[in-house]
N, C-alpha and C. Protein backbone atom coordinates (compact mmCIF):
# COMPACT_ATOMS: atom_id res chain seq x y z
N MET A 1 160.42 73.28 138.03
CA MET A 1 161.85 73.13 137.88
C MET A 1 162.58 74.43 138.20
N SER A 2 161.98 75.29 138.96
CA SER A 2 162.62 76.57 139.21
C SER A 2 163.85 76.45 140.10
N THR A 3 163.84 75.54 141.06
CA THR A 3 165.00 75.42 141.94
C THR A 3 166.11 74.59 141.32
N GLN A 4 165.78 73.78 140.35
CA GLN A 4 166.80 72.93 139.73
C GLN A 4 166.65 73.07 138.23
N SER A 5 167.38 74.00 137.64
CA SER A 5 167.15 74.34 136.25
C SER A 5 167.69 73.30 135.28
N GLN A 6 168.72 72.57 135.64
CA GLN A 6 169.29 71.62 134.71
C GLN A 6 169.44 70.25 135.36
N ILE A 7 168.92 69.25 134.67
CA ILE A 7 169.01 67.87 135.14
C ILE A 7 170.28 67.26 134.58
N THR A 8 171.04 66.60 135.43
CA THR A 8 172.30 66.00 134.99
C THR A 8 172.10 64.54 134.60
N GLN A 9 173.04 64.01 133.84
CA GLN A 9 172.99 62.61 133.45
C GLN A 9 173.15 61.70 134.68
N THR A 10 173.83 62.18 135.70
CA THR A 10 173.95 61.42 136.94
C THR A 10 172.58 61.24 137.58
N GLN A 11 171.77 62.28 137.57
CA GLN A 11 170.41 62.19 138.10
C GLN A 11 169.57 61.22 137.27
N VAL A 12 169.77 61.25 135.96
CA VAL A 12 169.05 60.34 135.08
C VAL A 12 169.44 58.90 135.40
N LEU A 13 170.74 58.63 135.52
CA LEU A 13 171.21 57.27 135.85
C LEU A 13 170.65 56.80 137.18
N ASP A 14 170.63 57.68 138.16
CA ASP A 14 170.09 57.33 139.47
C ASP A 14 168.61 56.97 139.37
N ALA A 15 167.86 57.77 138.61
CA ALA A 15 166.43 57.51 138.45
C ALA A 15 166.18 56.20 137.70
N ILE A 16 167.02 55.91 136.70
CA ILE A 16 166.91 54.64 135.96
C ILE A 16 167.12 53.48 136.92
N SER A 17 168.16 53.56 137.73
CA SER A 17 168.47 52.48 138.67
C SER A 17 167.35 52.28 139.68
N ARG A 18 166.83 53.37 140.22
CA ARG A 18 165.75 53.28 141.20
C ARG A 18 164.50 52.63 140.59
N ALA A 19 164.17 53.06 139.38
CA ALA A 19 162.99 52.51 138.72
C ALA A 19 163.18 51.02 138.42
N ALA A 20 164.35 50.66 137.90
CA ALA A 20 164.61 49.26 137.55
C ALA A 20 164.56 48.35 138.78
N LEU A 21 165.07 48.84 139.89
CA LEU A 21 165.09 48.03 141.11
C LEU A 21 163.70 47.78 141.69
N MET A 22 162.77 48.66 141.43
CA MET A 22 161.44 48.56 142.03
C MET A 22 160.46 47.72 141.20
N LEU A 23 160.86 47.33 140.00
CA LEU A 23 159.94 46.59 139.12
C LEU A 23 159.83 45.12 139.53
N GLU A 24 158.65 44.56 139.30
CA GLU A 24 158.37 43.15 139.61
C GLU A 24 158.73 42.28 138.43
N ARG A 25 159.62 41.34 138.62
CA ARG A 25 160.03 40.44 137.54
C ARG A 25 158.92 39.49 137.12
N GLN A 26 157.96 39.20 138.01
CA GLN A 26 156.88 38.28 137.69
C GLN A 26 155.86 38.90 136.75
N ASP A 27 155.78 40.21 136.71
CA ASP A 27 154.87 40.94 135.83
C ASP A 27 155.57 41.10 134.48
N ALA A 28 154.96 40.57 133.41
CA ALA A 28 155.61 40.58 132.09
C ALA A 28 155.91 42.00 131.60
N ALA A 29 154.98 42.93 131.79
CA ALA A 29 155.19 44.31 131.34
C ALA A 29 156.32 44.96 132.13
N GLN A 30 156.34 44.74 133.43
CA GLN A 30 157.38 45.34 134.26
C GLN A 30 158.74 44.71 133.98
N SER A 31 158.75 43.41 133.72
CA SER A 31 160.00 42.73 133.38
C SER A 31 160.57 43.27 132.08
N GLY A 32 159.70 43.50 131.11
CA GLY A 32 160.14 44.08 129.83
C GLY A 32 160.68 45.48 130.00
N LEU A 33 160.02 46.26 130.86
CA LEU A 33 160.51 47.62 131.13
C LEU A 33 161.87 47.56 131.83
N GLN A 34 162.03 46.60 132.72
CA GLN A 34 163.31 46.45 133.40
C GLN A 34 164.43 46.18 132.40
N LEU A 35 164.17 45.35 131.43
CA LEU A 35 165.16 45.07 130.38
C LEU A 35 165.48 46.34 129.59
N LEU A 36 164.45 47.11 129.25
CA LEU A 36 164.65 48.36 128.52
C LEU A 36 165.46 49.36 129.35
N LEU A 37 165.17 49.45 130.64
CA LEU A 37 165.91 50.38 131.50
C LEU A 37 167.37 49.95 131.65
N ASN A 38 167.61 48.64 131.74
CA ASN A 38 168.99 48.17 131.82
C ASN A 38 169.75 48.46 130.53
N GLU A 39 169.07 48.32 129.40
CA GLU A 39 169.67 48.67 128.11
C GLU A 39 169.98 50.17 128.05
N PHE A 40 169.05 50.98 128.54
CA PHE A 40 169.23 52.44 128.60
C PHE A 40 170.45 52.79 129.44
N ARG A 41 170.55 52.18 130.60
CA ARG A 41 171.68 52.46 131.49
C ARG A 41 173.01 52.09 130.82
N ARG A 42 173.08 50.92 130.20
CA ARG A 42 174.31 50.50 129.50
C ARG A 42 174.66 51.46 128.36
N SER A 43 173.65 51.82 127.58
CA SER A 43 173.89 52.73 126.45
C SER A 43 174.35 54.10 126.93
N LEU A 44 173.77 54.57 128.00
CA LEU A 44 174.17 55.88 128.54
C LEU A 44 175.61 55.85 129.02
N LEU A 45 176.01 54.76 129.65
CA LEU A 45 177.40 54.64 130.10
C LEU A 45 178.36 54.49 128.92
N GLN A 46 177.95 53.75 127.90
CA GLN A 46 178.80 53.55 126.73
C GLN A 46 178.98 54.81 125.92
N THR A 47 177.99 55.69 125.93
CA THR A 47 178.07 56.93 125.15
C THR A 47 178.55 58.11 126.00
N SER A 48 179.04 57.81 127.17
CA SER A 48 179.54 58.84 128.10
C SER A 48 178.47 59.89 128.41
N GLY A 49 177.24 59.44 128.51
CA GLY A 49 176.17 60.34 128.93
C GLY A 49 175.73 61.35 127.89
N GLN A 50 175.82 60.99 126.63
CA GLN A 50 175.37 61.93 125.59
C GLN A 50 173.87 62.18 125.70
N ALA A 51 173.49 63.44 125.56
CA ALA A 51 172.09 63.82 125.67
C ALA A 51 171.23 63.10 124.63
N ALA A 52 171.78 62.86 123.45
CA ALA A 52 171.01 62.19 122.39
C ALA A 52 170.56 60.80 122.83
N THR A 53 171.36 60.12 123.63
CA THR A 53 170.99 58.79 124.13
C THR A 53 169.78 58.90 125.04
N THR A 54 169.78 59.90 125.91
CA THR A 54 168.65 60.10 126.82
C THR A 54 167.39 60.47 126.04
N VAL A 55 167.53 61.31 125.04
CA VAL A 55 166.37 61.70 124.22
C VAL A 55 165.80 60.48 123.51
N LEU A 56 166.67 59.64 122.95
CA LEU A 56 166.24 58.43 122.26
C LEU A 56 165.47 57.50 123.20
N TYR A 57 166.03 57.22 124.36
CA TYR A 57 165.39 56.30 125.29
C TYR A 57 164.16 56.90 125.95
N HIS A 58 164.10 58.21 126.05
CA HIS A 58 162.88 58.86 126.54
C HIS A 58 161.71 58.43 125.65
N GLY A 59 161.91 58.50 124.34
CA GLY A 59 160.86 58.09 123.41
C GLY A 59 160.53 56.61 123.51
N LYS A 60 161.57 55.78 123.65
CA LYS A 60 161.35 54.34 123.77
C LYS A 60 160.56 54.00 125.03
N ILE A 61 160.90 54.65 126.13
CA ILE A 61 160.21 54.38 127.40
C ILE A 61 158.76 54.85 127.34
N LYS A 62 158.53 56.05 126.79
CA LYS A 62 157.16 56.56 126.65
C LYS A 62 156.33 55.59 125.81
N SER A 63 156.89 55.14 124.70
CA SER A 63 156.18 54.20 123.83
C SER A 63 155.89 52.89 124.56
N TYR A 64 156.87 52.40 125.29
CA TYR A 64 156.69 51.14 126.03
C TYR A 64 155.57 51.27 127.05
N LEU A 65 155.56 52.35 127.80
CA LEU A 65 154.55 52.54 128.83
C LEU A 65 153.14 52.64 128.24
N LEU A 66 153.04 53.24 127.06
CA LEU A 66 151.74 53.32 126.39
C LEU A 66 151.31 51.97 125.83
N GLN A 67 152.27 51.21 125.31
CA GLN A 67 151.97 49.93 124.70
C GLN A 67 151.67 48.85 125.74
N TYR A 68 152.34 48.93 126.89
CA TYR A 68 152.19 47.90 127.93
C TYR A 68 151.79 48.52 129.26
N PRO A 69 150.52 48.91 129.38
CA PRO A 69 150.09 49.50 130.65
C PRO A 69 150.16 48.46 131.78
N SER A 70 150.55 48.93 132.93
CA SER A 70 150.65 48.06 134.11
C SER A 70 150.58 48.95 135.34
N ASN A 71 150.58 48.34 136.49
CA ASN A 71 150.60 49.07 137.75
C ASN A 71 152.06 49.30 138.14
N TYR A 72 152.71 50.22 137.44
CA TYR A 72 154.13 50.48 137.67
C TYR A 72 154.33 51.22 138.99
N PRO A 73 155.47 50.99 139.63
CA PRO A 73 155.76 51.72 140.89
C PRO A 73 155.97 53.22 140.63
N ASP A 74 155.88 53.99 141.70
CA ASP A 74 156.04 55.44 141.61
C ASP A 74 157.39 55.85 141.02
N SER A 75 158.40 55.01 141.21
CA SER A 75 159.74 55.35 140.69
C SER A 75 159.74 55.44 139.16
N VAL A 76 158.84 54.73 138.51
CA VAL A 76 158.73 54.80 137.05
C VAL A 76 158.13 56.15 136.65
N ALA A 77 157.12 56.59 137.37
CA ALA A 77 156.53 57.91 137.10
C ALA A 77 157.55 59.01 137.35
N ALA A 78 158.35 58.85 138.40
CA ALA A 78 159.38 59.85 138.70
C ALA A 78 160.42 59.89 137.59
N LEU A 79 160.83 58.73 137.09
CA LEU A 79 161.79 58.68 135.98
C LEU A 79 161.19 59.32 134.74
N SER A 80 159.96 59.00 134.44
CA SER A 80 159.30 59.56 133.27
C SER A 80 159.22 61.08 133.34
N SER A 81 158.88 61.60 134.51
CA SER A 81 158.82 63.05 134.70
C SER A 81 160.20 63.69 134.55
N LEU A 82 161.20 63.06 135.14
CA LEU A 82 162.57 63.57 135.04
C LEU A 82 163.02 63.61 133.58
N LEU A 83 162.72 62.55 132.83
CA LEU A 83 163.09 62.51 131.42
C LEU A 83 162.34 63.57 130.61
N ASP A 84 161.06 63.79 130.95
CA ASP A 84 160.29 64.84 130.28
C ASP A 84 160.98 66.20 130.45
N HIS A 85 161.40 66.49 131.66
CA HIS A 85 162.06 67.77 131.94
C HIS A 85 163.42 67.85 131.25
N PHE A 86 164.15 66.74 131.27
CA PHE A 86 165.47 66.72 130.61
C PHE A 86 165.33 67.00 129.12
N VAL A 87 164.41 66.30 128.48
CA VAL A 87 164.22 66.44 127.04
C VAL A 87 163.70 67.85 126.70
N ALA A 88 162.81 68.39 127.51
CA ALA A 88 162.30 69.73 127.26
C ALA A 88 163.41 70.77 127.33
N ALA A 89 164.44 70.53 128.13
CA ALA A 89 165.54 71.47 128.28
C ALA A 89 166.56 71.38 127.15
N GLN A 90 166.44 70.36 126.32
CA GLN A 90 167.42 70.16 125.23
C GLN A 90 167.15 71.06 124.06
């Protein structure tokens, strides 16, 4: 993260959207994650991008991925990594 020291909520929203769009609705685990990501996006917009919302959903997403392993697309790994960096900077 040396070239980009601070992750913005706009980047988080973009990563959420990319991850949600790439998920397979036919896969139960991916469909559930898609619902969680859509909830995250709505909550982030409703709270005007408060960092606490991102920290909360970071935990929810990590827990979901551990509870429901699946062959998630790379965009989910990218979102997870971005959230890890965002939360570490808080």
